[in-house]
């Protein structure tokens, strides 16, 4: 039986979507960078059509900016937008934490405990991409444990948007402090202390705010140096 070309394209689109998303979230395709469509088609062995379909879906998620007749680029958010989003993330996670402490089961707690162990390994080996992936997974698991689908959706959108921020190339001292927070997060989950966990989560975003602020400062400094070279 011949393969329906529409089904084949949809299958390719479904396969490409998480691959491209992870390239953006892991920084392989950095904020503001042009997306090399021809190179990606060659890399994944696909035509331009399914790739463009996947990019359209990423544009709906706010990760990609489509340029008419000029290809696509990864979205870059401003420092002002970051400063608005990060406290919002803290509020969402604080609310989810109280619900999660009341609802999480032993299986969910075991999964988060295992991910915490992986986070420690990522940190110990200086694996920043791995650390960031595991960190996102832990926070998403806590929000999912709240059992509120709409809350999970909003949290995912905010989290994805914040992945478009510039991030330092090596783990900063704030990551060391964040590890301490994660120890407290796990303990609060184990004891089902929703009030304590909500407070930890609201405060936990301070590390992200500091790291991101420094990254924006570094980018501005780099831009100033480039301008002096041009002049």
N, C-alpha and C. Protein backbone atom coordinates (compact mmCIF):
# COMPACT_ATOMS: atom_id res chain seq x y z
N UNK A 1 0.86 -1.21 0.00
CA UNK A 1 0.00 0.00 0.00
C UNK A 1 0.88 1.24 0.00
N UNK A 2 0.67 2.19 -0.91
CA UNK A 2 1.50 3.39 -0.96
C UNK A 2 1.30 4.26 0.28
N UNK A 3 2.38 4.95 0.66
CA UNK A 3 2.33 5.82 1.83
C UNK A 3 1.62 7.12 1.49
N UNK A 4 0.66 7.51 2.29
CA UNK A 4 -0.03 8.79 2.11
C UNK A 4 0.98 9.90 2.38
N UNK A 5 1.28 10.78 1.40
CA UNK A 5 2.29 11.81 1.60
C UNK A 5 1.96 12.77 2.72
N UNK A 6 0.66 13.03 2.95
CA UNK A 6 0.28 13.94 4.04
C UNK A 6 0.63 13.32 5.39
N UNK A 7 0.36 12.03 5.54
CA UNK A 7 0.68 11.32 6.78
C UNK A 7 2.19 11.29 6.98
N UNK A 8 2.93 11.05 5.90
CA UNK A 8 4.39 10.99 6.00
C UNK A 8 4.95 12.32 6.45
N UNK A 9 4.43 13.42 5.89
CA UNK A 9 4.92 14.74 6.29
C UNK A 9 4.59 15.01 7.75
N UNK A 10 3.37 14.61 8.17
CA UNK A 10 2.97 14.86 9.54
C UNK A 10 3.87 14.07 10.51
N UNK A 11 4.22 12.85 10.12
CA UNK A 11 5.10 12.03 10.95
C UNK A 11 6.46 12.69 11.08
N UNK A 12 7.00 13.18 9.98
CA UNK A 12 8.29 13.87 10.01
C UNK A 12 8.21 15.13 10.87
N UNK A 13 7.10 15.85 10.72
CA UNK A 13 6.92 17.07 11.52
C UNK A 13 6.92 16.73 13.00
N UNK A 14 6.23 15.65 13.37
CA UNK A 14 6.16 15.24 14.77
C UNK A 14 7.53 14.85 15.30
N UNK A 15 8.35 14.25 14.45
CA UNK A 15 9.69 13.85 14.86
C UNK A 15 10.63 15.04 14.96
N UNK A 16 10.48 15.98 14.05
CA UNK A 16 11.36 17.14 14.01
C UNK A 16 11.10 18.13 15.14
N UNK A 17 9.84 18.26 15.52
CA UNK A 17 9.45 19.27 16.50
C UNK A 17 10.25 19.17 17.80
N UNK A 18 10.32 18.01 18.46
CA UNK A 18 11.10 17.95 19.70
C UNK A 18 12.60 18.11 19.48
N UNK A 19 13.10 17.68 18.31
CA UNK A 19 14.52 17.83 18.02
C UNK A 19 14.90 19.31 17.92
N UNK A 20 14.11 20.05 17.17
CA UNK A 20 14.38 21.48 17.00
C UNK A 20 14.17 22.23 18.31
N UNK A 21 13.11 21.85 19.04
CA UNK A 21 12.85 22.50 20.34
C UNK A 21 14.03 22.31 21.28
N UNK A 22 14.56 21.08 21.34
CA UNK A 22 15.68 20.81 22.24
C UNK A 22 16.94 21.55 21.80
N UNK A 23 17.14 21.73 20.50
CA UNK A 23 18.28 22.50 20.01
C UNK A 23 18.21 23.93 20.50
N UNK A 24 16.99 24.47 20.58
CA UNK A 24 16.80 25.84 21.07
C UNK A 24 16.97 25.89 22.58
N UNK A 25 16.32 24.96 23.29
CA UNK A 25 16.37 24.97 24.75
C UNK A 25 17.78 24.71 25.27
N UNK A 26 18.56 23.90 24.54
CA UNK A 26 19.93 23.58 24.97
C UNK A 26 20.94 24.61 24.49
N UNK A 27 20.48 25.59 23.72
CA UNK A 27 21.38 26.66 23.28
C UNK A 27 22.15 26.37 22.01
N UNK A 28 21.91 25.20 21.38
CA UNK A 28 22.60 24.92 20.12
C UNK A 28 22.17 25.92 19.05
N UNK A 29 20.90 26.29 19.10
CA UNK A 29 20.39 27.40 18.29
C UNK A 29 20.11 28.53 19.27
N UNK A 30 21.01 29.49 19.33
CA UNK A 30 20.94 30.53 20.35
C UNK A 30 19.93 31.61 20.07
N UNK A 31 19.52 32.35 21.12
CA UNK A 31 18.57 33.45 20.95
C UNK A 31 19.04 34.45 19.91
N UNK A 32 18.16 34.80 18.98
CA UNK A 32 18.49 35.77 17.94
C UNK A 32 19.19 35.21 16.72
N UNK A 33 19.57 33.94 16.77
CA UNK A 33 20.33 33.37 15.65
C UNK A 33 19.41 32.94 14.51
N UNK A 34 19.93 33.04 13.28
CA UNK A 34 19.19 32.54 12.13
C UNK A 34 19.19 31.02 12.16
N UNK A 35 18.09 30.43 11.74
CA UNK A 35 17.99 28.97 11.72
C UNK A 35 18.45 28.46 10.36
N UNK A 36 19.52 27.67 10.32
CA UNK A 36 20.09 27.21 9.04
C UNK A 36 19.26 26.07 8.45
N UNK A 37 18.21 26.43 7.73
CA UNK A 37 17.26 25.42 7.26
C UNK A 37 17.90 24.38 6.34
N UNK A 38 18.74 24.83 5.43
CA UNK A 38 19.37 23.89 4.49
C UNK A 38 20.25 22.89 5.24
N UNK A 39 21.02 23.38 6.19
CA UNK A 39 21.90 22.50 6.96
C UNK A 39 21.09 21.53 7.81
N UNK A 40 19.98 21.99 8.37
CA UNK A 40 19.15 21.12 9.20
C UNK A 40 18.45 20.06 8.35
N UNK A 41 18.03 20.43 7.14
CA UNK A 41 17.44 19.43 6.24
C UNK A 41 18.45 18.32 5.94
N UNK A 42 19.70 18.72 5.70
CA UNK A 42 20.74 17.73 5.43
C UNK A 42 21.03 16.89 6.68
N UNK A 43 21.06 17.53 7.82
CA UNK A 43 21.35 16.84 9.08
C UNK A 43 20.30 15.78 9.41
N UNK A 44 19.02 16.12 9.20
CA UNK A 44 17.95 15.21 9.57
C UNK A 44 17.43 14.38 8.39
N UNK A 45 17.96 14.65 7.19
CA UNK A 45 17.55 13.88 6.02
C UNK A 45 16.11 14.09 5.62
N UNK A 46 15.68 15.35 5.66
CA UNK A 46 14.28 15.68 5.32
C UNK A 46 14.26 16.79 4.28
N UNK A 47 13.07 16.98 3.70
CA UNK A 47 12.89 18.09 2.77
C UNK A 47 12.55 19.35 3.57
N UNK A 48 12.44 20.47 2.88
CA UNK A 48 12.17 21.73 3.55
C UNK A 48 10.74 21.80 4.09
N UNK A 49 9.80 21.08 3.46
CA UNK A 49 8.39 21.18 3.85
C UNK A 49 8.13 20.76 5.30
N UNK A 50 8.52 19.55 5.72
CA UNK A 50 8.27 19.18 7.13
C UNK A 50 9.06 20.03 8.11
N UNK A 51 10.24 20.49 7.69
CA UNK A 51 11.02 21.36 8.57
C UNK A 51 10.28 22.67 8.80
N UNK A 52 9.75 23.25 7.72
CA UNK A 52 9.01 24.51 7.86
C UNK A 52 7.74 24.31 8.69
N UNK A 53 7.10 23.16 8.56
CA UNK A 53 5.92 22.88 9.36
C UNK A 53 6.26 22.84 10.84
N UNK A 54 7.41 22.22 11.16
CA UNK A 54 7.85 22.16 12.55
C UNK A 54 8.20 23.56 13.07
N UNK A 55 8.83 24.36 12.22
CA UNK A 55 9.18 25.73 12.62
C UNK A 55 7.92 26.58 12.85
N UNK A 56 6.89 26.33 12.06
CA UNK A 56 5.63 27.06 12.27
C UNK A 56 5.05 26.74 13.64
N UNK A 57 5.12 25.48 14.04
CA UNK A 57 4.62 25.09 15.36
C UNK A 57 5.45 25.74 16.47
N UNK A 58 6.75 25.84 16.26
CA UNK A 58 7.61 26.48 17.25
C UNK A 58 7.34 27.98 17.32
N UNK A 59 6.92 28.55 16.19
CA UNK A 59 6.58 29.98 16.21
C UNK A 59 5.31 30.20 17.03
N UNK A 60 4.37 29.26 16.96
CA UNK A 60 3.15 29.35 17.77
C UNK A 60 3.50 29.29 19.26
N UNK A 61 4.51 28.50 19.60
CA UNK A 61 4.95 28.38 20.99
C UNK A 61 5.80 29.56 21.44
N UNK A 62 6.11 30.48 20.49
CA UNK A 62 6.88 31.66 20.84
C UNK A 62 8.37 31.47 20.86
N UNK A 63 8.86 30.37 20.26
CA UNK A 63 10.30 30.10 20.26
C UNK A 63 10.99 30.56 18.97
N UNK A 64 10.22 30.65 17.89
CA UNK A 64 10.79 30.95 16.57
C UNK A 64 10.04 32.12 15.95
N UNK A 65 10.81 32.97 15.28
CA UNK A 65 10.23 34.10 14.54
C UNK A 65 10.39 33.80 13.05
N UNK A 66 9.25 33.70 12.35
CA UNK A 66 9.28 33.43 10.91
C UNK A 66 9.38 34.73 10.14
N UNK A 67 10.32 34.77 9.22
CA UNK A 67 10.55 35.97 8.43
C UNK A 67 10.09 35.71 7.00
N UNK A 68 9.08 36.43 6.51
CA UNK A 68 8.58 36.21 5.15
C UNK A 68 9.70 36.28 4.11
N UNK A 69 9.85 35.19 3.38
CA UNK A 69 10.86 35.10 2.30
C UNK A 69 12.30 35.22 2.81
N UNK A 70 12.50 35.16 4.13
CA UNK A 70 13.86 35.30 4.66
C UNK A 70 14.21 34.20 5.67
N UNK A 71 13.40 33.16 5.72
CA UNK A 71 13.71 32.08 6.63
C UNK A 71 13.17 32.32 8.03
N UNK A 72 13.88 31.83 9.02
CA UNK A 72 13.41 31.92 10.41
C UNK A 72 14.58 32.16 11.35
N UNK A 73 14.27 32.68 12.52
CA UNK A 73 15.30 32.91 13.53
C UNK A 73 14.73 32.56 14.90
N UNK A 74 15.63 32.29 15.84
CA UNK A 74 15.22 32.01 17.21
C UNK A 74 14.86 33.35 17.87
N UNK A 75 13.77 33.35 18.60
CA UNK A 75 13.33 34.57 19.28
C UNK A 75 14.35 34.97 20.35
N UNK A 76 14.53 36.25 20.52
CA UNK A 76 15.37 36.78 21.61
C UNK A 76 14.50 37.70 22.46
N UNK A 77 14.43 37.46 23.75
CA UNK A 77 13.60 38.32 24.60
C UNK A 77 14.48 39.37 25.27
N UNK A 78 13.85 40.44 25.70
CA UNK A 78 14.56 41.56 26.30
C UNK A 78 14.74 41.36 27.80
N UNK A 79 15.60 42.16 28.39
CA UNK A 79 15.80 42.08 29.83
C UNK A 79 14.53 42.49 30.57
N UNK A 80 13.80 43.47 30.03
CA UNK A 80 12.55 43.89 30.66
C UNK A 80 11.55 42.75 30.69
N UNK A 81 11.42 42.04 29.58
CA UNK A 81 10.50 40.91 29.54
C UNK A 81 10.92 39.84 30.53
N UNK A 82 12.22 39.60 30.63
CA UNK A 82 12.73 38.60 31.58
C UNK A 82 12.39 38.98 33.01
N UNK A 83 12.55 40.26 33.32
CA UNK A 83 12.28 40.74 34.67
C UNK A 83 10.79 40.67 35.01
N UNK A 84 9.94 40.65 33.99
CA UNK A 84 8.51 40.47 34.21
C UNK A 84 8.15 38.99 34.34
N UNK A 85 8.83 38.14 33.57
CA UNK A 85 8.49 36.72 33.53
C UNK A 85 9.01 35.94 34.74
N UNK A 86 10.21 36.28 35.21
CA UNK A 86 10.81 35.47 36.27
C UNK A 86 9.99 35.50 37.57
N UNK A 87 9.54 36.68 38.04
CA UNK A 87 8.66 36.66 39.23
C UNK A 87 7.36 35.90 38.98
N UNK A 88 6.82 35.99 37.76
CA UNK A 88 5.61 35.26 37.41
C UNK A 88 5.85 33.76 37.53
N UNK A 89 7.02 33.32 37.08
CA UNK A 89 7.38 31.91 37.21
C UNK A 89 7.38 31.49 38.68
N UNK A 90 7.93 32.35 39.53
CA UNK A 90 7.96 32.05 40.96
C UNK A 90 6.57 31.92 41.55
N UNK A 91 5.66 32.78 41.13
CA UNK A 91 4.27 32.74 41.62
C UNK A 91 3.58 31.45 41.17
N UNK A 92 3.75 31.10 39.90
CA UNK A 92 3.13 29.88 39.38
C UNK A 92 3.65 28.64 40.11
N UNK A 93 4.97 28.58 40.31
CA UNK A 93 5.56 27.42 40.95
C UNK A 93 5.21 27.36 42.44
N UNK A 94 5.07 28.51 43.08
CA UNK A 94 4.68 28.53 44.49
C UNK A 94 3.27 27.96 44.64
N UNK A 95 2.35 28.40 43.78
CA UNK A 95 0.97 27.91 43.84
C UNK A 95 0.94 26.41 43.54
N UNK A 96 1.67 25.99 42.51
CA UNK A 96 1.71 24.57 42.15
C UNK A 96 2.28 23.73 43.28
N UNK A 97 3.26 24.28 44.01
CA UNK A 97 3.92 23.53 45.08
C UNK A 97 2.95 23.19 46.21
N UNK A 98 2.11 24.14 46.58
CA UNK A 98 1.14 23.87 47.64
C UNK A 98 0.19 22.75 47.22
N UNK A 99 -0.26 22.81 45.97
CA UNK A 99 -1.15 21.76 45.47
C UNK A 99 -0.43 20.43 45.39
N UNK A 100 0.83 20.46 44.93
CA UNK A 100 1.60 19.22 44.76
C UNK A 100 1.82 18.51 46.09
N UNK A 101 2.10 19.27 47.14
CA UNK A 101 2.34 18.65 48.45
C UNK A 101 1.10 17.91 48.94
N UNK A 102 -0.06 18.38 48.54
CA UNK A 102 -1.30 17.73 48.96
C UNK A 102 -1.65 16.53 48.09
N UNK A 103 -1.11 16.48 46.86
CA UNK A 103 -1.55 15.46 45.91
C UNK A 103 -0.49 14.46 45.48
N UNK A 104 0.79 14.78 45.61
CA UNK A 104 1.82 13.92 45.05
C UNK A 104 1.81 12.54 45.70
N UNK A 105 1.99 11.50 44.89
CA UNK A 105 2.03 10.14 45.42
C UNK A 105 3.48 9.68 45.53
N UNK A 106 3.67 8.47 46.06
CA UNK A 106 5.02 7.96 46.30
C UNK A 106 5.79 7.77 44.99
N UNK A 107 5.09 7.36 43.94
CA UNK A 107 5.76 7.17 42.65
C UNK A 107 6.27 8.51 42.12
N UNK A 108 5.46 9.55 42.23
CA UNK A 108 5.88 10.88 41.78
C UNK A 108 7.05 11.39 42.58
N UNK A 109 7.01 11.13 43.88
CA UNK A 109 8.11 11.57 44.74
C UNK A 109 9.40 10.83 44.40
N UNK A 110 9.29 9.55 44.09
CA UNK A 110 10.49 8.78 43.69
C UNK A 110 11.09 9.33 42.41
N UNK A 111 10.23 9.68 41.44
CA UNK A 111 10.74 10.22 40.17
C UNK A 111 11.49 11.53 40.40
N UNK A 112 10.95 12.39 41.23
CA UNK A 112 11.60 13.67 41.49
C UNK A 112 12.89 13.45 42.27
N UNK A 113 12.90 12.49 43.19
CA UNK A 113 14.12 12.16 43.94
C UNK A 113 15.21 11.66 43.00
N UNK A 114 14.85 10.83 42.03
CA UNK A 114 15.82 10.34 41.04
C UNK A 114 16.37 11.48 40.20
N UNK A 115 15.47 12.40 39.79
CA UNK A 115 15.92 13.55 39.00
C UNK A 115 16.83 14.45 39.83
N UNK A 116 16.56 14.56 41.12
CA UNK A 116 17.42 15.36 41.99
C UNK A 116 18.83 14.76 42.02
N UNK A 117 18.91 13.43 42.09
CA UNK A 117 20.22 12.78 42.04
C UNK A 117 20.95 13.08 40.75
N UNK A 118 20.21 13.10 39.63
CA UNK A 118 20.82 13.43 38.35
C UNK A 118 21.29 14.88 38.32
N UNK A 119 20.51 15.77 38.94
CA UNK A 119 20.90 17.18 39.01
C UNK A 119 22.23 17.34 39.75
N UNK A 120 22.39 16.60 40.84
CA UNK A 120 23.65 16.66 41.59
C UNK A 120 24.82 16.18 40.74
N UNK A 121 24.57 15.12 39.94
CA UNK A 121 25.62 14.61 39.06
C UNK A 121 25.97 15.64 37.99
N UNK A 122 24.96 16.26 37.39
CA UNK A 122 25.20 17.30 36.38
C UNK A 122 26.04 18.43 36.97
N UNK A 123 25.69 18.84 38.17
CA UNK A 123 26.41 19.94 38.83
C UNK A 123 27.83 19.53 39.15
N UNK A 124 28.00 18.31 39.66
CA UNK A 124 29.33 17.82 40.05
C UNK A 124 30.29 17.79 38.86
N UNK A 125 29.76 17.45 37.69
CA UNK A 125 30.60 17.33 36.50
C UNK A 125 30.62 18.62 35.67
N UNK A 126 29.99 19.68 36.16
CA UNK A 126 29.98 20.93 35.41
C UNK A 126 29.24 20.84 34.10
N UNK A 127 28.27 19.94 34.02
CA UNK A 127 27.50 19.74 32.79
C UNK A 127 26.33 20.72 32.78
N UNK A 128 26.57 21.92 32.27
CA UNK A 128 25.53 22.95 32.32
C UNK A 128 24.30 22.60 31.49
N UNK A 129 24.45 22.14 30.21
CA UNK A 129 23.24 21.78 29.45
C UNK A 129 22.43 20.70 30.17
N UNK A 130 23.14 19.68 30.69
CA UNK A 130 22.46 18.61 31.41
C UNK A 130 21.79 19.12 32.67
N UNK A 131 22.48 20.02 33.38
CA UNK A 131 21.93 20.61 34.60
C UNK A 131 20.63 21.35 34.29
N UNK A 132 20.65 22.16 33.25
CA UNK A 132 19.48 22.96 32.91
C UNK A 132 18.31 22.08 32.47
N UNK A 133 18.60 21.02 31.71
CA UNK A 133 17.54 20.10 31.29
C UNK A 133 16.92 19.41 32.50
N UNK A 134 17.77 18.92 33.41
CA UNK A 134 17.26 18.22 34.59
C UNK A 134 16.49 19.17 35.49
N UNK A 135 16.99 20.39 35.62
CA UNK A 135 16.32 21.39 36.44
C UNK A 135 14.91 21.68 35.90
N UNK A 136 14.81 21.84 34.58
CA UNK A 136 13.49 22.08 33.97
C UNK A 136 12.56 20.90 34.23
N UNK A 137 13.11 19.69 34.13
CA UNK A 137 12.29 18.49 34.33
C UNK A 137 11.77 18.41 35.76
N UNK A 138 12.60 18.77 36.73
CA UNK A 138 12.17 18.73 38.13
C UNK A 138 11.05 19.72 38.38
N UNK A 139 11.23 20.95 37.91
CA UNK A 139 10.21 21.97 38.12
C UNK A 139 8.90 21.60 37.42
N UNK A 140 9.02 21.06 36.20
CA UNK A 140 7.82 20.64 35.47
C UNK A 140 7.11 19.50 36.19
N UNK A 141 7.88 18.59 36.79
CA UNK A 141 7.29 17.45 37.51
C UNK A 141 6.54 17.92 38.75
N UNK A 142 7.09 18.92 39.44
CA UNK A 142 6.40 19.46 40.61
C UNK A 142 5.10 20.12 40.21
N UNK A 143 5.14 20.90 39.12
CA UNK A 143 3.93 21.56 38.64
C UNK A 143 2.91 20.51 38.19
N UNK A 144 3.37 19.47 37.49
CA UNK A 144 2.46 18.42 37.03
C UNK A 144 1.80 17.71 38.21
N UNK A 145 2.54 17.56 39.31
CA UNK A 145 2.00 16.88 40.49
C UNK A 145 0.85 17.66 41.12
N UNK A 146 0.72 18.94 40.77
CA UNK A 146 -0.39 19.75 41.28
C UNK A 146 -1.72 19.28 40.72
N UNK A 147 -1.68 18.57 39.58
CA UNK A 147 -2.90 18.03 38.99
C UNK A 147 -3.79 19.07 38.35
N UNK A 148 -3.20 20.20 37.93
CA UNK A 148 -3.97 21.27 37.30
C UNK A 148 -3.43 21.47 35.88
N UNK A 149 -4.17 20.98 34.89
CA UNK A 149 -3.68 20.99 33.51
C UNK A 149 -3.43 22.40 33.01
N UNK A 150 -4.32 23.33 33.29
CA UNK A 150 -4.15 24.70 32.82
C UNK A 150 -2.92 25.34 33.45
N UNK A 151 -2.69 25.07 34.72
CA UNK A 151 -1.50 25.59 35.39
C UNK A 151 -0.24 25.06 34.73
N UNK A 152 -0.24 23.78 34.38
CA UNK A 152 0.92 23.19 33.70
C UNK A 152 1.16 23.83 32.35
N UNK A 153 0.09 24.12 31.62
CA UNK A 153 0.22 24.74 30.30
C UNK A 153 0.83 26.14 30.40
N UNK A 154 0.31 26.94 31.33
CA UNK A 154 0.82 28.30 31.50
C UNK A 154 2.28 28.26 31.95
N UNK A 155 2.58 27.37 32.89
CA UNK A 155 3.96 27.23 33.37
C UNK A 155 4.89 26.85 32.23
N UNK A 156 4.46 25.94 31.38
CA UNK A 156 5.28 25.50 30.24
C UNK A 156 5.57 26.67 29.31
N UNK A 157 4.56 27.49 29.01
CA UNK A 157 4.76 28.64 28.12
C UNK A 157 5.76 29.63 28.71
N UNK A 158 5.64 29.92 30.00
CA UNK A 158 6.57 30.86 30.64
C UNK A 158 7.98 30.28 30.66
N UNK A 159 8.08 29.00 31.00
CA UNK A 159 9.39 28.33 31.07
C UNK A 159 10.07 28.32 29.70
N UNK A 160 9.31 28.01 28.65
CA UNK A 160 9.88 27.99 27.31
C UNK A 160 10.36 29.37 26.90
N UNK A 161 9.59 30.38 27.27
CA UNK A 161 9.97 31.75 26.92
C UNK A 161 11.28 32.13 27.61
N UNK A 162 11.44 31.71 28.84
CA UNK A 162 12.65 32.04 29.60
C UNK A 162 13.88 31.28 29.08
N UNK A 163 13.64 30.22 28.33
CA UNK A 163 14.77 29.49 27.74
C UNK A 163 15.41 30.29 26.60
N UNK A 164 14.78 31.39 26.21
CA UNK A 164 15.32 32.24 25.15
C UNK A 164 16.24 33.32 25.70
N UNK A 165 16.56 33.21 26.98
CA UNK A 165 17.46 34.17 27.61
C UNK A 165 18.91 33.79 27.36
N UNK A 166 19.80 34.78 27.36
CA UNK A 166 21.23 34.45 27.28
C UNK A 166 21.66 33.80 28.58
N UNK A 167 22.44 32.74 28.51
CA UNK A 167 22.91 32.04 29.71
C UNK A 167 24.43 31.97 29.68
N UNK A 168 25.12 32.21 30.81
CA UNK A 168 26.58 32.12 30.84
C UNK A 168 27.06 30.75 30.38
N UNK A 169 28.27 30.71 29.86
CA UNK A 169 28.80 29.46 29.33
C UNK A 169 29.25 28.49 30.41
N UNK A 170 29.42 28.95 31.64
CA UNK A 170 29.80 28.03 32.71
C UNK A 170 28.97 28.31 33.94
N UNK A 171 28.84 27.29 34.79
CA UNK A 171 28.00 27.41 35.97
C UNK A 171 28.55 28.49 36.90
N UNK A 172 27.69 29.39 37.34
CA UNK A 172 28.07 30.48 38.21
C UNK A 172 27.87 30.08 39.67
N UNK A 173 28.36 30.90 40.63
CA UNK A 173 28.14 30.58 42.05
C UNK A 173 26.66 30.43 42.40
N UNK A 174 25.77 31.09 41.66
CA UNK A 174 24.36 30.97 41.96
C UNK A 174 23.85 29.55 41.77
N UNK A 175 24.49 28.78 40.87
CA UNK A 175 24.07 27.38 40.70
C UNK A 175 24.38 26.60 41.98
N UNK A 176 25.49 26.93 42.65
CA UNK A 176 25.81 26.25 43.92
C UNK A 176 24.72 26.52 44.95
N UNK A 177 24.27 27.76 45.03
CA UNK A 177 23.21 28.11 45.97
C UNK A 177 21.89 27.44 45.56
N UNK A 178 21.65 27.34 44.27
CA UNK A 178 20.41 26.72 43.79
C UNK A 178 20.35 25.25 44.18
N UNK A 179 21.51 24.58 44.21
CA UNK A 179 21.56 23.18 44.64
C UNK A 179 21.05 23.06 46.07
N UNK A 180 21.45 24.00 46.93
CA UNK A 180 20.97 24.01 48.30
C UNK A 180 19.46 24.17 48.35
N UNK A 181 18.94 25.04 47.49
CA UNK A 181 17.48 25.20 47.40
C UNK A 181 16.80 23.89 47.03
N UNK A 182 17.41 23.17 46.08
CA UNK A 182 16.80 21.92 45.62
C UNK A 182 16.79 20.86 46.73
N UNK A 183 17.78 20.88 47.59
CA UNK A 183 17.76 19.97 48.74
C UNK A 183 16.56 20.30 49.62
N UNK A 184 16.33 21.59 49.84
CA UNK A 184 15.19 22.03 50.67
C UNK A 184 13.86 21.72 49.98
N UNK A 185 13.82 21.87 48.64
CA UNK A 185 12.61 21.57 47.88
C UNK A 185 12.23 20.10 48.07
N UNK A 186 13.21 19.22 47.94
CA UNK A 186 12.95 17.79 48.06
C UNK A 186 12.47 17.44 49.47
N UNK A 187 13.09 18.05 50.48
CA UNK A 187 12.70 17.78 51.86
C UNK A 187 11.27 18.25 52.13
N UNK A 188 10.91 19.43 51.62
CA UNK A 188 9.55 19.95 51.81
C UNK A 188 8.53 19.06 51.11
N UNK A 189 8.88 18.52 49.94
CA UNK A 189 7.99 17.60 49.25
C UNK A 189 7.80 16.32 50.07
N UNK A 190 8.90 15.81 50.59
CA UNK A 190 8.83 14.56 51.36
C UNK A 190 7.94 14.70 52.60
N UNK A 191 7.99 15.88 53.22
CA UNK A 191 7.20 16.11 54.43
C UNK A 191 5.83 16.70 54.12
N UNK A 192 5.55 16.89 52.82
CA UNK A 192 4.27 17.46 52.37
C UNK A 192 4.00 18.83 53.01
N UNK A 193 5.06 19.62 53.14
CA UNK A 193 4.94 20.96 53.75
C UNK A 193 4.73 21.99 52.65
N UNK A 194 3.47 22.20 52.25
CA UNK A 194 3.16 23.06 51.13
C UNK A 194 3.50 24.52 51.36
N UNK A 195 3.29 25.01 52.58
CA UNK A 195 3.59 26.41 52.87
C UNK A 195 5.09 26.67 52.76
N UNK A 196 5.87 25.77 53.32
CA UNK A 196 7.33 25.93 53.24
C UNK A 196 7.81 25.83 51.80
N UNK A 197 7.30 24.85 51.06
CA UNK A 197 7.74 24.67 49.68
C UNK A 197 7.37 25.87 48.82
N UNK A 198 6.19 26.43 49.03
CA UNK A 198 5.79 27.62 48.26
C UNK A 198 6.75 28.77 48.50
N UNK A 199 7.16 28.96 49.75
CA UNK A 199 8.11 30.02 50.07
C UNK A 199 9.47 29.79 49.42
N UNK A 200 9.91 28.53 49.43
CA UNK A 200 11.19 28.20 48.78
C UNK A 200 11.13 28.50 47.29
N UNK A 201 10.04 28.12 46.65
CA UNK A 201 9.91 28.31 45.21
C UNK A 201 9.85 29.79 44.82
N UNK A 202 9.16 30.58 45.64
CA UNK A 202 9.12 32.02 45.36
C UNK A 202 10.51 32.63 45.46
N UNK A 203 11.28 32.17 46.43
CA UNK A 203 12.61 32.72 46.64
C UNK A 203 13.64 32.15 45.67
N UNK A 204 13.36 30.93 45.21
CA UNK A 204 14.31 30.20 44.36
C UNK A 204 14.63 30.94 43.07
N UNK A 205 13.67 31.73 42.56
CA UNK A 205 13.89 32.41 41.28
C UNK A 205 14.95 33.50 41.39
N UNK A 206 15.35 33.86 42.61
CA UNK A 206 16.36 34.92 42.74
C UNK A 206 17.66 34.51 42.05
N UNK A 207 17.97 33.21 42.05
CA UNK A 207 19.19 32.73 41.39
C UNK A 207 19.11 32.99 39.89
N UNK A 208 17.96 32.67 39.32
CA UNK A 208 17.76 32.89 37.88
C UNK A 208 17.87 34.37 37.55
N UNK A 209 17.29 35.22 38.39
CA UNK A 209 17.33 36.66 38.14
C UNK A 209 18.76 37.19 38.15
N UNK A 210 19.57 36.73 39.10
CA UNK A 210 20.96 37.18 39.20
C UNK A 210 21.77 36.71 37.99
N UNK A 211 21.64 35.42 37.67
CA UNK A 211 22.39 34.86 36.54
C UNK A 211 22.02 35.55 35.24
N UNK A 212 20.72 35.75 35.02
CA UNK A 212 20.27 36.38 33.78
C UNK A 212 20.73 37.83 33.71
N UNK A 213 20.66 38.55 34.84
CA UNK A 213 21.13 39.93 34.86
C UNK A 213 22.58 40.03 34.45
N UNK A 214 23.41 39.13 34.96
CA UNK A 214 24.83 39.13 34.60
C UNK A 214 25.04 38.77 33.13
N UNK A 215 24.20 37.88 32.62
CA UNK A 215 24.33 37.50 31.21
C UNK A 215 24.00 38.68 30.31
N UNK A 216 22.99 39.45 30.66
CA UNK A 216 22.66 40.64 29.87
C UNK A 216 23.78 41.68 29.96
N UNK A 217 24.37 41.82 31.13
CA UNK A 217 25.49 42.75 31.29
C UNK A 217 26.66 42.33 30.41
N UNK A 218 26.95 41.03 30.38
CA UNK A 218 28.04 40.53 29.55
C UNK A 218 27.76 40.76 28.08
N UNK A 219 26.50 40.59 27.67
CA UNK A 219 26.15 40.80 26.26
C UNK A 219 26.30 42.26 25.88
N UNK A 220 25.89 43.16 26.81
CA UNK A 220 26.05 44.59 26.52
C UNK A 220 27.53 44.96 26.42
N UNK A 221 28.35 44.39 27.30
CA UNK A 221 29.78 44.68 27.26
C UNK A 221 30.40 44.19 25.96
N UNK A 222 29.97 42.99 25.52
CA UNK A 222 30.48 42.45 24.26
C UNK A 222 30.08 43.33 23.09
N UNK A 223 28.83 43.84 23.13
CA UNK A 223 28.37 44.72 22.08
C UNK A 223 29.14 46.03 22.04
N UNK A 224 29.52 46.55 23.22
CA UNK A 224 30.28 47.78 23.29
C UNK A 224 31.67 47.59 22.71
N UNK A 225 32.26 46.44 22.99
CA UNK A 225 33.59 46.13 22.43
C UNK A 225 33.52 46.04 20.92
N UNK A 226 32.45 45.38 20.41
CA UNK A 226 32.29 45.24 18.96
C UNK A 226 32.14 46.61 18.31
N UNK A 227 31.42 47.51 18.93
CA UNK A 227 31.23 48.85 18.37
C UNK A 227 32.55 49.60 18.31
N UNK A 228 33.37 49.44 19.34
CA UNK A 228 34.68 50.13 19.34
C UNK A 228 35.57 49.60 18.23
N UNK A 229 35.48 48.27 17.99
CA UNK A 229 36.29 47.67 16.92
C UNK A 229 35.84 48.23 15.56
N UNK A 230 34.51 48.35 15.37
CA UNK A 230 33.99 48.87 14.10
C UNK A 230 34.41 50.33 13.90
N UNK A 231 34.38 51.09 14.97
CA UNK A 231 34.76 52.51 14.87
C UNK A 231 36.24 52.67 14.63
